[in-house]
C-alpha cells in the first residue's frame, strides 16, 4: 500500500505541476477543477459504501461542538490543499516532495514528544527510518 500511495502521490504532484503551467489556472482554479473531477468518483464511493446512511444516522450530527470541529477540520484541509497546489505550481513536484518529507519528520518528532504513552519499539523505529530513507532517496533522484 505504501508503494502505491507514493506512486499515486508522485503522479498527482507531477500532474499539478504540469497542468498548473500549461492551463493558465491559478491555484484556486486548479483546486476547483480537481474537486469537480473527483466529485463523480467520490459520490459513487460514498453511495456504494453506505457512508451517506451512516452520516444520516450519526447521533451528534447537529451538535454545535461536532459542527465546530468539522468546520475547523474543513478549513485546515482546504489550507493544506491550497498550500500543496501553490507550492507545486510555483516550484516543482520535487520541491513539494521534499517539503512533504520534512513535514513527515516534524510530525513524527512532535507526535513522539507530545502524546504520552508511546513506547519505543525497534521495529517501529526501523519502519520509520526505512520510510524516511526511501523518501530521501526518491528526492535525490
N, C-alpha and C. Protein backbone atom coordinates (compact mmCIF):
# COMPACT_ATOMS: atom_id res chain seq x y z
N UNK A 1 0.81 -1.19 0.00
CA UNK A 1 0.00 0.00 0.00
C UNK A 1 0.86 1.27 0.00
N UNK A 2 1.97 1.23 0.69
CA UNK A 2 2.83 2.40 0.78
C UNK A 2 3.40 2.74 -0.59
N UNK A 3 3.86 1.71 -1.31
CA UNK A 3 4.41 1.95 -2.65
C UNK A 3 3.35 2.54 -3.57
N UNK A 4 2.13 2.00 -3.52
CA UNK A 4 1.05 2.51 -4.37
C UNK A 4 0.73 3.96 -3.98
N UNK A 5 0.73 4.25 -2.69
CA UNK A 5 0.47 5.62 -2.23
C UNK A 5 1.56 6.57 -2.73
N UNK A 6 2.81 6.16 -2.62
CA UNK A 6 3.91 7.01 -3.08
C UNK A 6 3.85 7.24 -4.58
N UNK A 7 3.52 6.19 -5.34
CA UNK A 7 3.42 6.32 -6.80
C UNK A 7 2.27 7.25 -7.17
N UNK A 8 1.14 7.10 -6.50
CA UNK A 8 -0.01 7.96 -6.80
C UNK A 8 0.27 9.41 -6.41
N UNK A 9 0.94 9.62 -5.30
CA UNK A 9 1.29 10.98 -4.88
C UNK A 9 2.25 11.62 -5.86
N UNK A 10 3.24 10.87 -6.32
CA UNK A 10 4.19 11.41 -7.30
C UNK A 10 3.48 11.78 -8.59
N UNK A 11 2.59 10.92 -9.07
CA UNK A 11 1.84 11.22 -10.29
C UNK A 11 0.94 12.43 -10.09
N UNK A 12 0.31 12.52 -8.94
CA UNK A 12 -0.58 13.64 -8.62
C UNK A 12 0.18 14.96 -8.63
N UNK A 13 1.34 14.98 -7.97
CA UNK A 13 2.13 16.21 -7.91
C UNK A 13 2.68 16.58 -9.28
N UNK A 14 3.08 15.58 -10.06
CA UNK A 14 3.57 15.86 -11.42
C UNK A 14 2.44 16.45 -12.27
N UNK A 15 1.23 15.93 -12.12
CA UNK A 15 0.09 16.46 -12.88
C UNK A 15 -0.22 17.89 -12.46
N UNK A 16 -0.17 18.17 -11.17
CA UNK A 16 -0.42 19.54 -10.69
C UNK A 16 0.61 20.48 -11.30
N UNK A 17 1.89 20.08 -11.27
CA UNK A 17 2.94 20.94 -11.80
C UNK A 17 2.77 21.15 -13.30
N UNK A 18 2.45 20.09 -14.02
CA UNK A 18 2.31 20.18 -15.47
C UNK A 18 1.11 21.03 -15.88
N UNK A 19 -0.05 20.71 -15.31
CA UNK A 19 -1.26 21.42 -15.70
C UNK A 19 -1.30 22.84 -15.14
N UNK A 20 -0.61 23.07 -14.04
CA UNK A 20 -0.55 24.41 -13.49
C UNK A 20 0.19 25.36 -14.42
N UNK A 21 1.19 24.84 -15.09
CA UNK A 21 1.96 25.69 -16.01
C UNK A 21 1.30 25.81 -17.37
N UNK A 22 0.61 24.77 -17.83
CA UNK A 22 0.06 24.79 -19.20
C UNK A 22 -1.37 25.31 -19.26
N UNK A 23 -2.12 25.21 -18.17
CA UNK A 23 -3.53 25.58 -18.24
C UNK A 23 -3.77 27.07 -18.02
N UNK A 24 -2.87 27.73 -17.34
CA UNK A 24 -3.07 29.13 -17.03
C UNK A 24 -3.96 29.37 -15.83
N UNK A 25 -4.41 28.31 -15.16
CA UNK A 25 -5.25 28.45 -13.98
C UNK A 25 -4.40 28.78 -12.76
N UNK A 26 -4.96 29.57 -11.86
CA UNK A 26 -4.27 29.80 -10.60
C UNK A 26 -4.56 28.62 -9.66
N UNK A 27 -4.05 28.69 -8.44
CA UNK A 27 -4.20 27.57 -7.50
C UNK A 27 -5.66 27.30 -7.17
N UNK A 28 -6.47 28.36 -7.02
CA UNK A 28 -7.89 28.16 -6.71
C UNK A 28 -8.62 27.50 -7.88
N UNK A 29 -8.30 27.92 -9.10
CA UNK A 29 -8.92 27.31 -10.27
C UNK A 29 -8.56 25.83 -10.41
N UNK A 30 -7.30 25.52 -10.13
CA UNK A 30 -6.88 24.12 -10.20
C UNK A 30 -7.56 23.29 -9.11
N UNK A 31 -7.71 23.87 -7.91
CA UNK A 31 -8.39 23.15 -6.84
C UNK A 31 -9.85 22.90 -7.20
N UNK A 32 -10.50 23.89 -7.83
CA UNK A 32 -11.89 23.74 -8.22
C UNK A 32 -12.02 22.64 -9.28
N UNK A 33 -11.14 22.65 -10.28
CA UNK A 33 -11.17 21.60 -11.31
C UNK A 33 -10.91 20.23 -10.71
N UNK A 34 -9.98 20.15 -9.79
CA UNK A 34 -9.68 18.88 -9.13
C UNK A 34 -10.89 18.38 -8.36
N UNK A 35 -11.57 19.29 -7.67
CA UNK A 35 -12.77 18.91 -6.93
C UNK A 35 -13.89 18.43 -7.83
N UNK A 36 -14.10 19.14 -8.94
CA UNK A 36 -15.16 18.76 -9.88
C UNK A 36 -14.86 17.42 -10.56
N UNK A 37 -13.59 17.17 -10.86
CA UNK A 37 -13.23 15.90 -11.49
C UNK A 37 -13.32 14.74 -10.50
N UNK A 38 -13.11 15.01 -9.22
CA UNK A 38 -13.18 13.97 -8.19
C UNK A 38 -14.59 13.70 -7.72
N UNK A 39 -15.50 14.64 -7.94
CA UNK A 39 -16.86 14.53 -7.41
C UNK A 39 -17.61 13.27 -7.85
N UNK A 40 -17.60 12.87 -9.13
CA UNK A 40 -18.33 11.66 -9.50
C UNK A 40 -17.81 10.39 -8.81
N UNK A 41 -16.50 10.24 -8.75
CA UNK A 41 -15.93 9.06 -8.10
C UNK A 41 -16.22 9.07 -6.60
N UNK A 42 -16.09 10.24 -5.97
CA UNK A 42 -16.36 10.35 -4.54
C UNK A 42 -17.83 10.07 -4.22
N UNK A 43 -18.74 10.60 -5.04
CA UNK A 43 -20.17 10.36 -4.83
C UNK A 43 -20.50 8.89 -4.99
N UNK A 44 -19.95 8.27 -6.01
CA UNK A 44 -20.19 6.84 -6.24
C UNK A 44 -19.70 6.00 -5.07
N UNK A 45 -18.48 6.28 -4.62
CA UNK A 45 -17.93 5.51 -3.50
C UNK A 45 -18.72 5.75 -2.21
N UNK A 46 -19.17 6.97 -1.99
CA UNK A 46 -19.96 7.29 -0.80
C UNK A 46 -21.27 6.52 -0.80
N UNK A 47 -21.91 6.45 -1.95
CA UNK A 47 -23.18 5.71 -2.03
C UNK A 47 -22.97 4.21 -1.93
N UNK A 48 -21.91 3.70 -2.55
CA UNK A 48 -21.67 2.25 -2.54
C UNK A 48 -21.27 1.72 -1.17
N UNK A 49 -20.53 2.51 -0.41
CA UNK A 49 -20.06 2.05 0.90
C UNK A 49 -21.05 2.29 2.02
N UNK A 50 -22.10 3.05 1.75
CA UNK A 50 -23.11 3.32 2.77
C UNK A 50 -22.73 4.42 3.74
N UNK A 51 -21.73 5.21 3.41
CA UNK A 51 -21.31 6.28 4.32
C UNK A 51 -22.36 7.38 4.45
N UNK A 52 -23.13 7.60 3.41
CA UNK A 52 -24.18 8.62 3.48
C UNK A 52 -25.23 8.24 4.53
N UNK A 53 -25.60 6.97 4.56
CA UNK A 53 -26.56 6.49 5.55
C UNK A 53 -25.95 6.56 6.95
N UNK A 54 -24.67 6.21 7.07
CA UNK A 54 -24.00 6.31 8.37
C UNK A 54 -23.97 7.74 8.87
N UNK A 55 -23.73 8.68 7.96
CA UNK A 55 -23.75 10.09 8.34
C UNK A 55 -25.14 10.51 8.81
N UNK A 56 -26.14 10.07 8.11
CA UNK A 56 -27.52 10.41 8.48
C UNK A 56 -27.89 9.85 9.85
N UNK A 57 -27.35 8.68 10.18
CA UNK A 57 -27.66 8.03 11.46
C UNK A 57 -26.77 8.50 12.61
N UNK A 58 -25.78 9.33 12.35
CA UNK A 58 -24.86 9.77 13.39
C UNK A 58 -25.59 10.65 14.39
N UNK A 59 -25.52 10.29 15.65
CA UNK A 59 -26.30 10.94 16.69
C UNK A 59 -25.91 12.38 17.00
N UNK A 60 -24.66 12.72 16.78
CA UNK A 60 -24.18 14.06 17.13
C UNK A 60 -24.05 14.97 15.91
N UNK A 61 -24.69 14.64 14.83
CA UNK A 61 -24.55 15.39 13.58
C UNK A 61 -24.93 16.85 13.74
N UNK A 62 -25.93 17.13 14.52
CA UNK A 62 -26.42 18.51 14.67
C UNK A 62 -25.94 19.18 15.95
N UNK A 63 -25.01 18.56 16.68
CA UNK A 63 -24.43 19.19 17.87
C UNK A 63 -23.50 20.32 17.45
N UNK A 64 -23.55 21.40 18.22
CA UNK A 64 -22.72 22.56 17.90
C UNK A 64 -21.22 22.22 17.98
N UNK A 65 -20.83 21.44 18.99
CA UNK A 65 -19.42 21.09 19.14
C UNK A 65 -18.92 20.28 17.94
N UNK A 66 -19.70 19.30 17.52
CA UNK A 66 -19.30 18.49 16.37
C UNK A 66 -19.18 19.34 15.12
N UNK A 67 -20.14 20.21 14.89
CA UNK A 67 -20.12 21.05 13.69
C UNK A 67 -18.95 22.04 13.72
N UNK A 68 -18.58 22.52 14.90
CA UNK A 68 -17.43 23.42 15.02
C UNK A 68 -16.13 22.69 14.67
N UNK A 69 -15.98 21.48 15.21
CA UNK A 69 -14.78 20.71 14.91
C UNK A 69 -14.74 20.31 13.44
N UNK A 70 -15.89 19.97 12.88
CA UNK A 70 -15.95 19.62 11.45
C UNK A 70 -15.59 20.82 10.58
N UNK A 71 -16.09 22.00 10.93
CA UNK A 71 -15.77 23.21 10.17
C UNK A 71 -14.28 23.53 10.27
N UNK A 72 -13.71 23.40 11.46
CA UNK A 72 -12.27 23.64 11.63
C UNK A 72 -11.46 22.65 10.82
N UNK A 73 -11.89 21.41 10.80
CA UNK A 73 -11.20 20.39 10.01
C UNK A 73 -11.25 20.71 8.52
N UNK A 74 -12.39 21.19 8.06
CA UNK A 74 -12.53 21.58 6.65
C UNK A 74 -11.62 22.75 6.30
N UNK A 75 -11.52 23.73 7.20
CA UNK A 75 -10.65 24.88 6.96
C UNK A 75 -9.19 24.43 6.90
N UNK A 76 -8.79 23.54 7.80
CA UNK A 76 -7.42 23.03 7.78
C UNK A 76 -7.13 22.22 6.51
N UNK A 77 -8.08 21.41 6.09
CA UNK A 77 -7.90 20.62 4.87
C UNK A 77 -7.78 21.52 3.65
N UNK A 78 -8.63 22.54 3.58
CA UNK A 78 -8.55 23.49 2.47
C UNK A 78 -7.21 24.21 2.47
N UNK A 79 -6.75 24.63 3.64
CA UNK A 79 -5.47 25.34 3.73
C UNK A 79 -4.31 24.44 3.30
N UNK A 80 -4.33 23.19 3.71
CA UNK A 80 -3.28 22.26 3.32
C UNK A 80 -3.30 22.02 1.82
N UNK A 81 -4.48 21.80 1.24
CA UNK A 81 -4.58 21.60 -0.21
C UNK A 81 -4.12 22.83 -0.97
N UNK A 82 -4.51 24.00 -0.50
CA UNK A 82 -4.08 25.24 -1.16
C UNK A 82 -2.56 25.37 -1.11
N UNK A 83 -1.96 25.07 0.05
CA UNK A 83 -0.51 25.17 0.18
C UNK A 83 0.18 24.18 -0.76
N UNK A 84 -0.36 22.97 -0.89
CA UNK A 84 0.22 21.98 -1.80
C UNK A 84 0.12 22.45 -3.25
N UNK A 85 -1.06 22.92 -3.65
CA UNK A 85 -1.24 23.40 -5.03
C UNK A 85 -0.34 24.61 -5.30
N UNK A 86 -0.28 25.54 -4.37
CA UNK A 86 0.54 26.74 -4.56
C UNK A 86 2.01 26.38 -4.63
N UNK A 87 2.48 25.54 -3.72
CA UNK A 87 3.88 25.13 -3.70
C UNK A 87 4.25 24.39 -4.99
N UNK A 88 3.40 23.49 -5.43
CA UNK A 88 3.70 22.70 -6.62
C UNK A 88 3.62 23.54 -7.89
N UNK A 89 2.68 24.48 -7.95
CA UNK A 89 2.57 25.28 -9.17
C UNK A 89 3.67 26.33 -9.25
N UNK A 90 4.17 26.83 -8.12
CA UNK A 90 5.24 27.82 -8.15
C UNK A 90 6.62 27.19 -8.21
N UNK A 91 6.76 25.99 -7.69
CA UNK A 91 8.04 25.31 -7.65
C UNK A 91 7.96 24.07 -8.53
N UNK A 92 8.41 22.97 -8.03
CA UNK A 92 8.35 21.72 -8.79
C UNK A 92 7.76 20.63 -7.91
N UNK A 93 7.42 19.51 -8.53
CA UNK A 93 6.90 18.38 -7.77
C UNK A 93 7.96 17.86 -6.80
N UNK A 94 9.22 17.96 -7.17
CA UNK A 94 10.30 17.52 -6.29
C UNK A 94 10.38 18.39 -5.04
N UNK A 95 10.20 19.70 -5.19
CA UNK A 95 10.19 20.60 -4.04
C UNK A 95 9.06 20.23 -3.09
N UNK A 96 7.88 19.93 -3.64
CA UNK A 96 6.75 19.53 -2.80
C UNK A 96 7.05 18.22 -2.10
N UNK A 97 7.72 17.30 -2.78
CA UNK A 97 8.08 16.02 -2.17
C UNK A 97 9.02 16.24 -0.99
N UNK A 98 10.00 17.11 -1.16
CA UNK A 98 10.95 17.39 -0.08
C UNK A 98 10.23 18.07 1.08
N UNK A 99 9.33 19.02 0.78
CA UNK A 99 8.54 19.66 1.84
C UNK A 99 7.68 18.63 2.57
N UNK A 100 7.12 17.68 1.82
CA UNK A 100 6.34 16.61 2.43
C UNK A 100 7.17 15.74 3.35
N UNK A 101 8.42 15.45 2.93
CA UNK A 101 9.32 14.65 3.77
C UNK A 101 9.67 15.39 5.06
N UNK A 102 9.94 16.69 4.95
CA UNK A 102 10.23 17.47 6.15
C UNK A 102 9.02 17.52 7.07
N UNK A 103 7.84 17.65 6.49
CA UNK A 103 6.62 17.65 7.30
C UNK A 103 6.48 16.31 8.04
N UNK A 104 6.78 15.21 7.34
CA UNK A 104 6.68 13.89 7.98
C UNK A 104 7.63 13.77 9.17
N UNK A 105 8.84 14.27 9.01
CA UNK A 105 9.81 14.22 10.11
C UNK A 105 9.31 15.04 11.29
N UNK A 106 8.80 16.25 11.03
CA UNK A 106 8.29 17.10 12.11
C UNK A 106 7.10 16.45 12.80
N UNK A 107 6.18 15.86 12.02
CA UNK A 107 5.01 15.21 12.61
C UNK A 107 5.43 14.04 13.49
N UNK A 108 6.39 13.26 13.03
CA UNK A 108 6.86 12.11 13.83
C UNK A 108 7.48 12.59 15.13
N UNK A 109 8.37 13.59 15.05
CA UNK A 109 9.03 14.08 16.26
C UNK A 109 8.05 14.73 17.23
N UNK A 110 7.16 15.57 16.73
CA UNK A 110 6.18 16.21 17.60
C UNK A 110 5.24 15.17 18.21
N UNK A 111 4.84 14.18 17.41
CA UNK A 111 3.95 13.12 17.91
C UNK A 111 4.58 12.31 19.02
N UNK A 112 5.86 11.97 18.87
CA UNK A 112 6.53 11.20 19.90
C UNK A 112 6.69 11.99 21.20
N UNK A 113 6.93 13.29 21.08
CA UNK A 113 7.16 14.09 22.29
C UNK A 113 5.88 14.66 22.90
N UNK A 114 4.84 14.79 22.11
CA UNK A 114 3.62 15.41 22.60
C UNK A 114 2.70 14.42 23.28
N UNK A 115 2.47 13.29 22.64
CA UNK A 115 1.50 12.33 23.14
C UNK A 115 2.18 11.32 24.05
N UNK A 116 1.68 11.19 25.25
CA UNK A 116 2.25 10.25 26.21
C UNK A 116 1.86 8.82 25.88
N UNK A 117 2.55 7.91 26.50
CA UNK A 117 2.21 6.50 26.34
C UNK A 117 2.82 5.85 25.12
N UNK A 118 3.70 6.56 24.41
CA UNK A 118 4.35 5.97 23.24
C UNK A 118 5.61 5.28 23.72
N UNK A 119 5.67 3.98 23.53
CA UNK A 119 6.84 3.23 23.93
C UNK A 119 7.72 3.00 22.71
N UNK A 120 9.01 3.03 22.92
CA UNK A 120 9.96 2.83 21.84
C UNK A 120 9.95 1.37 21.42
N UNK A 121 9.86 1.14 20.14
CA UNK A 121 9.90 -0.20 19.60
C UNK A 121 10.85 -0.18 18.40
N UNK A 122 11.82 -1.09 18.37
CA UNK A 122 12.80 -1.10 17.30
C UNK A 122 12.16 -1.33 15.93
N UNK A 123 11.16 -2.17 15.88
CA UNK A 123 10.51 -2.45 14.60
C UNK A 123 9.82 -1.19 14.06
N UNK A 124 9.16 -0.46 14.93
CA UNK A 124 8.52 0.79 14.54
C UNK A 124 9.57 1.81 14.10
N UNK A 125 10.65 1.90 14.86
CA UNK A 125 11.73 2.83 14.52
C UNK A 125 12.34 2.49 13.17
N UNK A 126 12.59 1.22 12.93
CA UNK A 126 13.16 0.81 11.65
C UNK A 126 12.20 1.07 10.49
N UNK A 127 10.92 0.91 10.72
CA UNK A 127 9.93 1.21 9.69
C UNK A 127 9.91 2.69 9.34
N UNK A 128 9.96 3.55 10.36
CA UNK A 128 10.01 5.00 10.12
C UNK A 128 11.31 5.36 9.41
N UNK A 129 12.42 4.79 9.86
CA UNK A 129 13.71 5.06 9.24
C UNK A 129 13.74 4.60 7.78
N UNK A 130 13.16 3.44 7.51
CA UNK A 130 13.09 2.92 6.14
C UNK A 130 12.24 3.85 5.26
N UNK A 131 11.12 4.32 5.77
CA UNK A 131 10.28 5.24 5.02
C UNK A 131 10.97 6.56 4.73
N UNK A 132 11.67 7.09 5.74
CA UNK A 132 12.40 8.34 5.53
C UNK A 132 13.57 8.16 4.56
N UNK A 133 14.26 7.01 4.64
CA UNK A 133 15.35 6.74 3.71
C UNK A 133 14.83 6.64 2.28
N UNK A 134 13.69 6.00 2.11
CA UNK A 134 13.09 5.92 0.78
C UNK A 134 12.69 7.29 0.26
N UNK A 135 12.18 8.14 1.13
CA UNK A 135 11.81 9.49 0.74
C UNK A 135 13.03 10.31 0.33
N UNK A 136 14.10 10.17 1.10
CA UNK A 136 15.33 10.89 0.78
C UNK A 136 15.90 10.39 -0.54
N UNK A 137 15.90 9.09 -0.73
CA UNK A 137 16.40 8.51 -1.99
C UNK A 137 15.56 8.99 -3.16
N UNK A 138 14.24 9.00 -3.00
CA UNK A 138 13.35 9.47 -4.08
C UNK A 138 13.62 10.95 -4.38
N UNK A 139 13.83 11.75 -3.35
CA UNK A 139 14.10 13.17 -3.55
C UNK A 139 15.45 13.38 -4.24
N UNK A 140 16.39 12.48 -3.99
CA UNK A 140 17.72 12.58 -4.60
C UNK A 140 17.64 12.31 -6.10
N UNK A 141 16.76 11.40 -6.50
CA UNK A 141 16.62 11.07 -7.92
C UNK A 141 16.04 12.25 -8.64
